[in-house]
Structure formats: C-alpha cells, structure tokens
N, C-alpha and C. Protein backbone atom coordinates (compact mmCIF):
# COMPACT_ATOMS: atom_id res chain seq x y z
N MET A 1 0.85 -1.17 0.00
CA MET A 1 0.00 0.00 0.00
C MET A 1 0.89 1.23 0.00
N GLN A 2 0.73 2.07 -0.97
CA GLN A 2 1.53 3.28 -1.05
C GLN A 2 0.86 4.40 -0.27
N ILE A 3 1.65 5.24 0.30
CA ILE A 3 1.14 6.36 1.07
C ILE A 3 0.98 7.52 0.10
N SER A 4 -0.23 7.70 -0.39
CA SER A 4 -0.46 8.74 -1.39
C SER A 4 -0.46 10.12 -0.75
N GLY A 5 0.14 11.05 -1.47
CA GLY A 5 0.14 12.43 -1.00
C GLY A 5 1.06 12.69 0.17
N HIS A 6 1.90 11.71 0.52
CA HIS A 6 2.77 11.90 1.68
C HIS A 6 4.16 12.32 1.22
N THR A 7 4.65 13.40 1.73
CA THR A 7 6.01 13.84 1.45
C THR A 7 6.83 13.63 2.71
N PRO A 8 7.92 12.85 2.61
CA PRO A 8 8.73 12.62 3.80
C PRO A 8 9.27 13.93 4.36
N ARG A 9 9.25 14.05 5.69
CA ARG A 9 9.80 15.24 6.32
C ARG A 9 11.32 15.20 6.23
N GLN A 10 11.93 16.35 6.12
CA GLN A 10 13.37 16.42 6.04
C GLN A 10 13.88 17.41 7.05
N SER A 11 15.12 17.22 7.45
CA SER A 11 15.77 18.17 8.35
C SER A 11 17.20 18.34 7.87
N GLN A 12 17.85 19.35 8.37
CA GLN A 12 19.22 19.62 7.97
C GLN A 12 20.17 19.18 9.07
N ASN A 13 21.18 18.39 8.68
CA ASN A 13 22.21 17.96 9.62
C ASN A 13 23.12 19.15 9.94
N PRO A 14 23.90 19.07 11.03
CA PRO A 14 24.84 20.14 11.35
C PRO A 14 25.83 20.42 10.22
N ASP A 15 26.12 19.39 9.40
CA ASP A 15 27.06 19.60 8.29
C ASP A 15 26.38 20.19 7.06
N GLY A 16 25.10 20.52 7.16
CA GLY A 16 24.39 21.18 6.08
C GLY A 16 23.70 20.24 5.11
N GLN A 17 23.82 18.92 5.29
CA GLN A 17 23.17 17.98 4.39
C GLN A 17 21.75 17.71 4.85
N THR A 18 20.88 17.43 3.88
CA THR A 18 19.49 17.13 4.19
C THR A 18 19.36 15.65 4.56
N ALA A 19 18.60 15.37 5.62
CA ALA A 19 18.39 14.00 6.07
C ALA A 19 16.89 13.73 6.19
N GLN A 20 16.49 12.50 5.89
CA GLN A 20 15.10 12.12 6.05
C GLN A 20 14.79 12.01 7.54
N VAL A 21 13.63 12.47 7.94
CA VAL A 21 13.17 12.33 9.32
C VAL A 21 12.27 11.10 9.36
N ARG A 22 12.49 10.26 10.35
CA ARG A 22 11.68 9.05 10.46
C ARG A 22 10.21 9.39 10.63
N LYS A 23 9.36 8.58 10.02
CA LYS A 23 7.92 8.74 10.18
C LYS A 23 7.54 8.38 11.61
N LYS A 24 6.43 8.93 12.06
CA LYS A 24 5.90 8.63 13.39
C LYS A 24 4.67 7.74 13.22
N VAL A 25 4.65 6.61 13.92
CA VAL A 25 3.55 5.66 13.83
C VAL A 25 2.91 5.51 15.20
N ALA A 26 1.58 5.64 15.24
CA ALA A 26 0.83 5.46 16.49
C ALA A 26 0.03 4.16 16.41
N PHE A 27 0.20 3.32 17.42
CA PHE A 27 -0.57 2.08 17.56
C PHE A 27 -1.65 2.37 18.60
N ILE A 28 -2.90 2.28 18.18
CA ILE A 28 -4.03 2.74 18.99
C ILE A 28 -4.94 1.58 19.38
N CYS A 29 -5.31 1.55 20.63
CA CYS A 29 -6.27 0.59 21.15
C CYS A 29 -7.04 1.26 22.29
N VAL A 30 -8.14 0.71 22.69
CA VAL A 30 -8.96 1.36 23.70
C VAL A 30 -8.18 1.59 25.00
N HIS A 31 -7.64 0.52 25.58
CA HIS A 31 -7.01 0.63 26.91
C HIS A 31 -5.51 0.85 26.89
N ASN A 32 -4.87 0.71 25.74
CA ASN A 32 -3.41 0.86 25.63
C ASN A 32 -2.71 0.05 26.72
N SER A 33 -3.07 -1.24 26.80
CA SER A 33 -2.44 -2.07 27.82
C SER A 33 -1.92 -3.40 27.30
N CYS A 34 -2.20 -3.76 26.04
CA CYS A 34 -1.76 -5.07 25.57
C CYS A 34 -1.27 -4.99 24.12
N ARG A 35 -2.18 -5.12 23.14
CA ARG A 35 -1.76 -5.19 21.73
C ARG A 35 -1.01 -3.95 21.27
N SER A 36 -1.51 -2.78 21.60
CA SER A 36 -0.84 -1.55 21.16
C SER A 36 0.52 -1.40 21.85
N GLN A 37 0.63 -1.86 23.08
CA GLN A 37 1.91 -1.83 23.80
C GLN A 37 2.91 -2.79 23.15
N ILE A 38 2.44 -3.98 22.79
CA ILE A 38 3.30 -4.95 22.10
C ILE A 38 3.79 -4.35 20.79
N ALA A 39 2.88 -3.71 20.05
CA ALA A 39 3.24 -3.12 18.76
C ALA A 39 4.26 -1.99 18.93
N GLU A 40 4.08 -1.15 19.94
CA GLU A 40 5.06 -0.08 20.20
C GLU A 40 6.43 -0.69 20.49
N ALA A 41 6.47 -1.69 21.34
CA ALA A 41 7.75 -2.31 21.72
C ALA A 41 8.41 -2.98 20.52
N LEU A 42 7.65 -3.74 19.74
CA LEU A 42 8.23 -4.41 18.58
C LEU A 42 8.60 -3.41 17.48
N GLY A 43 7.84 -2.35 17.35
CA GLY A 43 8.19 -1.30 16.40
C GLY A 43 9.53 -0.68 16.74
N ARG A 44 9.73 -0.40 18.02
CA ARG A 44 11.02 0.16 18.46
C ARG A 44 12.16 -0.82 18.24
N TYR A 45 11.88 -2.09 18.48
CA TYR A 45 12.90 -3.14 18.39
C TYR A 45 13.25 -3.49 16.94
N LEU A 46 12.23 -3.57 16.08
CA LEU A 46 12.43 -4.08 14.72
C LEU A 46 12.51 -3.01 13.64
N ALA A 47 12.01 -1.81 13.91
CA ALA A 47 11.88 -0.83 12.82
C ALA A 47 12.30 0.59 13.20
N ALA A 48 13.06 0.74 14.27
CA ALA A 48 13.44 2.09 14.72
C ALA A 48 14.23 2.86 13.68
N ASP A 49 14.86 2.16 12.74
CA ASP A 49 15.60 2.84 11.69
C ASP A 49 14.69 3.47 10.64
N VAL A 50 13.41 3.06 10.61
CA VAL A 50 12.47 3.57 9.61
C VAL A 50 11.39 4.45 10.23
N PHE A 51 10.89 4.08 11.41
CA PHE A 51 9.84 4.89 12.03
C PHE A 51 9.95 4.90 13.55
N GLU A 52 9.39 5.97 14.13
CA GLU A 52 9.27 6.09 15.59
C GLU A 52 7.93 5.47 15.99
N SER A 53 7.92 4.72 17.05
CA SER A 53 6.71 4.04 17.51
C SER A 53 6.15 4.67 18.77
N PHE A 54 4.83 4.83 18.77
CA PHE A 54 4.10 5.34 19.92
C PHE A 54 2.85 4.49 20.08
N SER A 55 2.34 4.40 21.29
CA SER A 55 1.04 3.74 21.50
C SER A 55 0.22 4.61 22.44
N ALA A 56 -1.09 4.48 22.30
CA ALA A 56 -2.00 5.26 23.15
C ALA A 56 -3.39 4.66 23.06
N GLY A 57 -4.26 5.13 23.95
CA GLY A 57 -5.64 4.67 23.94
C GLY A 57 -6.60 5.75 24.37
N THR A 58 -7.87 5.43 24.31
CA THR A 58 -8.90 6.36 24.76
C THR A 58 -9.10 6.26 26.27
N GLU A 59 -8.58 5.18 26.85
CA GLU A 59 -8.57 4.99 28.30
C GLU A 59 -7.18 4.46 28.66
N VAL A 60 -6.83 4.52 29.93
CA VAL A 60 -5.55 3.96 30.36
C VAL A 60 -5.77 2.92 31.45
N ARG A 61 -4.79 2.08 31.61
CA ARG A 61 -4.77 1.08 32.67
C ARG A 61 -3.58 1.39 33.59
N PRO A 62 -3.65 0.96 34.85
CA PRO A 62 -2.55 1.25 35.78
C PRO A 62 -1.24 0.57 35.37
N GLN A 63 -1.32 -0.53 34.62
CA GLN A 63 -0.09 -1.22 34.20
C GLN A 63 -0.35 -1.93 32.87
N ILE A 64 0.74 -2.23 32.19
CA ILE A 64 0.67 -3.00 30.95
C ILE A 64 0.30 -4.44 31.32
N ASN A 65 -0.45 -5.09 30.45
CA ASN A 65 -0.86 -6.48 30.68
C ASN A 65 0.35 -7.33 31.04
N GLN A 66 0.31 -7.98 32.20
CA GLN A 66 1.46 -8.70 32.73
C GLN A 66 1.81 -9.95 31.93
N ASP A 67 0.83 -10.57 31.29
CA ASP A 67 1.14 -11.71 30.42
C ASP A 67 1.91 -11.23 29.19
N ALA A 68 1.51 -10.09 28.63
CA ALA A 68 2.23 -9.52 27.48
C ALA A 68 3.65 -9.15 27.88
N VAL A 69 3.82 -8.54 29.04
CA VAL A 69 5.14 -8.16 29.54
C VAL A 69 6.02 -9.40 29.68
N ARG A 70 5.50 -10.42 30.34
CA ARG A 70 6.27 -11.65 30.59
C ARG A 70 6.67 -12.33 29.29
N LEU A 71 5.73 -12.46 28.36
CA LEU A 71 6.02 -13.20 27.14
C LEU A 71 6.90 -12.42 26.17
N LEU A 72 6.81 -11.11 26.14
CA LEU A 72 7.70 -10.33 25.29
C LEU A 72 9.13 -10.36 25.85
N LYS A 73 9.25 -10.44 27.17
CA LYS A 73 10.58 -10.63 27.78
C LYS A 73 11.16 -11.97 27.36
N GLN A 74 10.33 -13.02 27.39
CA GLN A 74 10.79 -14.36 27.04
C GLN A 74 11.15 -14.49 25.56
N THR A 75 10.31 -13.94 24.69
CA THR A 75 10.50 -14.16 23.25
C THR A 75 11.48 -13.18 22.60
N HIS A 76 11.55 -11.94 23.10
CA HIS A 76 12.37 -10.92 22.44
C HIS A 76 13.34 -10.20 23.39
N ARG A 77 13.31 -10.58 24.67
CA ARG A 77 14.14 -9.90 25.68
C ARG A 77 13.84 -8.40 25.76
N ILE A 78 12.57 -8.05 25.58
CA ILE A 78 12.13 -6.66 25.68
C ILE A 78 11.34 -6.51 26.96
N ASP A 79 11.72 -5.56 27.79
CA ASP A 79 10.99 -5.28 29.03
C ASP A 79 10.19 -3.99 28.83
N MET A 80 8.93 -4.16 28.45
CA MET A 80 8.07 -3.00 28.17
C MET A 80 7.90 -2.10 29.39
N GLU A 81 7.98 -2.66 30.58
CA GLU A 81 7.74 -1.86 31.78
C GLU A 81 8.85 -0.84 32.04
N THR A 82 10.02 -1.03 31.45
CA THR A 82 11.10 -0.07 31.68
C THR A 82 11.02 1.15 30.77
N THR A 83 10.34 1.03 29.62
CA THR A 83 10.32 2.14 28.66
C THR A 83 8.93 2.60 28.28
N GLN A 84 7.90 1.90 28.72
CA GLN A 84 6.53 2.21 28.28
C GLN A 84 5.57 2.28 29.46
N ARG A 85 4.45 2.95 29.19
CA ARG A 85 3.35 3.00 30.15
C ARG A 85 2.07 3.23 29.36
N SER A 86 0.94 2.98 29.97
CA SER A 86 -0.34 3.22 29.33
C SER A 86 -0.55 4.73 29.19
N LYS A 87 -0.90 5.18 27.96
CA LYS A 87 -1.03 6.62 27.67
C LYS A 87 -2.33 6.92 26.95
N LEU A 88 -2.79 8.16 27.12
CA LEU A 88 -3.94 8.66 26.37
C LEU A 88 -3.49 9.20 25.02
N LEU A 89 -4.40 9.27 24.07
CA LEU A 89 -4.10 9.82 22.75
C LEU A 89 -3.51 11.22 22.82
N SER A 90 -3.95 12.00 23.78
CA SER A 90 -3.48 13.39 23.90
C SER A 90 -2.01 13.48 24.33
N GLU A 91 -1.42 12.36 24.74
CA GLU A 91 -0.04 12.36 25.23
C GLU A 91 1.01 12.04 24.16
N ILE A 92 0.56 11.71 22.95
CA ILE A 92 1.53 11.38 21.90
C ILE A 92 1.63 12.55 20.91
N PRO A 93 2.76 12.64 20.19
CA PRO A 93 2.92 13.73 19.23
C PRO A 93 2.08 13.50 17.98
N PRO A 94 1.97 14.50 17.11
CA PRO A 94 1.32 14.28 15.81
C PRO A 94 2.05 13.16 15.07
N VAL A 95 1.29 12.34 14.34
CA VAL A 95 1.86 11.17 13.69
C VAL A 95 1.56 11.16 12.19
N ASP A 96 2.32 10.35 11.48
CA ASP A 96 2.13 10.16 10.04
C ASP A 96 1.22 8.97 9.75
N VAL A 97 1.30 7.95 10.61
CA VAL A 97 0.58 6.70 10.38
C VAL A 97 -0.17 6.32 11.66
N VAL A 98 -1.42 5.91 11.50
CA VAL A 98 -2.23 5.42 12.62
C VAL A 98 -2.61 3.97 12.33
N ILE A 99 -2.28 3.10 13.28
CA ILE A 99 -2.64 1.69 13.20
C ILE A 99 -3.56 1.38 14.37
N THR A 100 -4.78 0.97 14.07
CA THR A 100 -5.69 0.53 15.13
C THR A 100 -5.57 -0.99 15.23
N MET A 101 -5.80 -1.50 16.41
CA MET A 101 -5.55 -2.91 16.68
C MET A 101 -6.74 -3.81 16.38
N GLY A 102 -7.90 -3.25 16.16
CA GLY A 102 -9.08 -4.07 15.89
C GLY A 102 -9.97 -4.20 17.10
N CYS A 103 -10.25 -3.09 17.72
CA CYS A 103 -10.99 -3.08 18.99
C CYS A 103 -12.50 -3.11 18.79
N ASN A 104 -12.96 -3.14 17.55
CA ASN A 104 -14.39 -3.14 17.25
C ASN A 104 -15.12 -1.93 17.83
N VAL A 105 -14.40 -0.83 17.92
CA VAL A 105 -15.01 0.43 18.34
C VAL A 105 -14.52 1.51 17.40
N GLN A 106 -15.22 2.61 17.35
CA GLN A 106 -14.80 3.73 16.52
C GLN A 106 -13.71 4.49 17.25
N CYS A 107 -12.52 4.47 16.68
CA CYS A 107 -11.40 5.19 17.30
C CYS A 107 -11.52 6.67 16.96
N PRO A 108 -11.09 7.52 17.86
CA PRO A 108 -11.14 8.95 17.59
C PRO A 108 -10.26 9.29 16.39
N TYR A 109 -10.57 10.38 15.74
CA TYR A 109 -9.83 10.80 14.56
C TYR A 109 -8.48 11.38 14.96
N LEU A 110 -7.44 10.88 14.35
CA LEU A 110 -6.10 11.45 14.47
C LEU A 110 -5.65 11.77 13.04
N PRO A 111 -5.27 13.00 12.77
CA PRO A 111 -4.80 13.31 11.42
C PRO A 111 -3.57 12.46 11.08
N CYS A 112 -3.54 11.93 9.85
CA CYS A 112 -2.43 11.11 9.41
C CYS A 112 -2.48 10.95 7.90
N SER A 113 -1.41 10.42 7.32
CA SER A 113 -1.42 10.19 5.88
C SER A 113 -1.72 8.73 5.54
N LEU A 114 -1.66 7.84 6.53
CA LEU A 114 -2.01 6.43 6.33
C LEU A 114 -2.68 5.93 7.59
N ARG A 115 -3.81 5.23 7.40
CA ARG A 115 -4.55 4.64 8.51
C ARG A 115 -4.87 3.20 8.16
N GLU A 116 -4.60 2.29 9.10
CA GLU A 116 -4.90 0.88 8.90
C GLU A 116 -5.51 0.31 10.17
N ASP A 117 -6.32 -0.74 9.99
CA ASP A 117 -6.80 -1.50 11.13
C ASP A 117 -6.25 -2.92 10.99
N TRP A 118 -5.51 -3.38 11.99
CA TRP A 118 -4.89 -4.69 11.92
C TRP A 118 -5.81 -5.82 12.37
N GLY A 119 -6.97 -5.52 12.90
CA GLY A 119 -7.96 -6.54 13.22
C GLY A 119 -7.48 -7.67 14.11
N LEU A 120 -6.72 -7.34 15.14
CA LEU A 120 -6.17 -8.36 16.03
C LEU A 120 -7.09 -8.62 17.21
N GLU A 121 -7.34 -9.88 17.48
CA GLU A 121 -8.17 -10.24 18.63
C GLU A 121 -7.38 -10.00 19.91
N ASP A 122 -8.04 -9.51 20.93
CA ASP A 122 -7.39 -9.24 22.22
C ASP A 122 -7.14 -10.55 22.95
N PRO A 123 -5.86 -10.85 23.28
CA PRO A 123 -5.57 -12.10 23.98
C PRO A 123 -5.80 -12.04 25.49
N THR A 124 -6.14 -10.87 26.02
CA THR A 124 -6.32 -10.71 27.46
C THR A 124 -7.30 -11.75 28.00
N GLY A 125 -6.89 -12.41 29.07
CA GLY A 125 -7.74 -13.43 29.70
C GLY A 125 -7.60 -14.80 29.08
N LYS A 126 -6.77 -14.93 28.05
CA LYS A 126 -6.57 -16.22 27.38
C LYS A 126 -5.20 -16.76 27.77
N GLY A 127 -4.88 -17.92 27.29
CA GLY A 127 -3.62 -18.57 27.63
C GLY A 127 -2.43 -18.01 26.85
N ASP A 128 -1.26 -18.54 27.20
CA ASP A 128 -0.03 -18.09 26.56
C ASP A 128 -0.05 -18.26 25.05
N ALA A 129 -0.67 -19.32 24.55
CA ALA A 129 -0.70 -19.57 23.11
C ALA A 129 -1.36 -18.40 22.37
N ALA A 130 -2.43 -17.85 22.93
CA ALA A 130 -3.10 -16.71 22.29
C ALA A 130 -2.19 -15.48 22.28
N PHE A 131 -1.48 -15.25 23.38
CA PHE A 131 -0.54 -14.12 23.44
C PHE A 131 0.60 -14.30 22.45
N LEU A 132 1.15 -15.51 22.38
CA LEU A 132 2.26 -15.77 21.47
C LEU A 132 1.83 -15.60 20.01
N GLU A 133 0.61 -16.02 19.68
CA GLU A 133 0.09 -15.82 18.33
C GLU A 133 -0.07 -14.33 18.04
N THR A 134 -0.55 -13.56 19.00
CA THR A 134 -0.69 -12.11 18.83
C THR A 134 0.68 -11.46 18.63
N ILE A 135 1.65 -11.84 19.43
CA ILE A 135 3.01 -11.30 19.31
C ILE A 135 3.57 -11.62 17.93
N ARG A 136 3.40 -12.87 17.48
CA ARG A 136 3.90 -13.28 16.16
C ARG A 136 3.24 -12.48 15.05
N SER A 137 1.93 -12.32 15.14
CA SER A 137 1.18 -11.57 14.13
C SER A 137 1.62 -10.10 14.09
N ILE A 138 1.78 -9.50 15.26
CA ILE A 138 2.22 -8.10 15.32
C ILE A 138 3.63 -7.97 14.75
N GLU A 139 4.50 -8.91 15.07
CA GLU A 139 5.87 -8.87 14.54
C GLU A 139 5.85 -8.89 13.01
N GLU A 140 5.06 -9.78 12.42
CA GLU A 140 4.95 -9.85 10.96
C GLU A 140 4.42 -8.53 10.38
N LYS A 141 3.42 -7.96 11.03
CA LYS A 141 2.82 -6.72 10.53
C LYS A 141 3.79 -5.54 10.67
N ILE A 142 4.56 -5.52 11.73
CA ILE A 142 5.57 -4.46 11.92
C ILE A 142 6.60 -4.54 10.78
N LEU A 143 7.09 -5.74 10.49
CA LEU A 143 8.08 -5.90 9.43
C LEU A 143 7.50 -5.52 8.07
N ASP A 144 6.24 -5.85 7.83
CA ASP A 144 5.60 -5.47 6.57
C ASP A 144 5.44 -3.95 6.49
N LEU A 145 5.01 -3.33 7.58
CA LEU A 145 4.87 -1.86 7.60
C LEU A 145 6.23 -1.20 7.36
N LYS A 146 7.26 -1.72 8.00
CA LYS A 146 8.61 -1.19 7.81
C LYS A 146 9.00 -1.24 6.33
N ARG A 147 8.78 -2.37 5.70
CA ARG A 147 9.11 -2.53 4.30
C ARG A 147 8.35 -1.52 3.42
N ARG A 148 7.05 -1.39 3.68
CA ARG A 148 6.23 -0.47 2.89
C ARG A 148 6.63 0.99 3.10
N LEU A 149 6.94 1.35 4.34
CA LEU A 149 7.34 2.75 4.60
C LEU A 149 8.72 3.04 4.02
N GLN A 150 9.61 2.05 3.98
CA GLN A 150 10.91 2.24 3.36
C GLN A 150 10.77 2.50 1.86
N CYS A 151 9.77 1.88 1.24
CA CYS A 151 9.57 2.00 -0.21
C CYS A 151 8.73 3.22 -0.60
N SER A 152 8.09 3.85 0.36
CA SER A 152 7.21 4.99 0.02
C SER A 152 8.05 6.26 -0.13
N PRO A 153 7.57 7.14 -1.01
CA PRO A 153 8.32 8.40 -1.22
C PRO A 153 8.30 9.29 -0.01
C-alpha cells in the first residue's frame, strides 16, 4: 500500500546535508495495555531505523498487561515496563501513520497520511498460546509496515 500524498519530512544535519526524518507511527487501542503496547515495543525493536513508535488509547490502565510483559521478555528480551506506560491519545505527538488494533469500536480521529486496522483479537484473559500468536502476528505486521514505509516516497 503506497502512502499517497505523503512527502517525507526532512531536516538539515549540522554539516548542512538534508536527512530524512523518520515517520511517526501510532498504535491505537482502547485501553493501551496489551496489543498496542506490544506493537510499540516491537516497532522500536524491529523498525526504529524507519519509524518512531508510539502507542496510546482512549482509556488507560494502571499497568501494561502482565502476560504480554512476561512473554515479550521471554520471546524478544524486551521489558516494556522499563520504557513504556499506558497513555492517552493526547499524550503522543502528531503522527504520520495510525494503526488501530481491531478493537471493534470507533477510534477517535487522528490526522495522518495512512490509517490501517490490523484486526487483532485481544488475547487478554486467554492462555499463553493466544498471546504468542498475537506477538507473532504483530511482529509480521511491523516488518511489513517497515518494508512499505521504506519504499514509500
């Protein structure tokens, strides 16, 4: 999927050369406690050279889902609790790309040049197998998004 009408932002390096500025991607879910947190963490881990990752929700939880935290530590050695917390949409910067997780609710409008819904089922309350499948699916989608954003003008 090409990002139509999107012009990459540029900045000037101290040496006077123009450099591409990484796109900003927001992963949005209602509670910002599980899928969107996993996506932010994997985005930072797998695609930080192409885009900046943020996550947020319309509501917050006191902590990130502990099963997601435990399994992401086991599978990728990422400790979400050290770098992330549940955030509201108003706490993230303006973004280029909005990815909704598939919460079956109408997400608030965030201006962006690309919007997608990944349609992921919430693994909360299910066993480890459901969480691992969600992590695997998000990882694949992050890598695909990275590839597409690298190829877009």
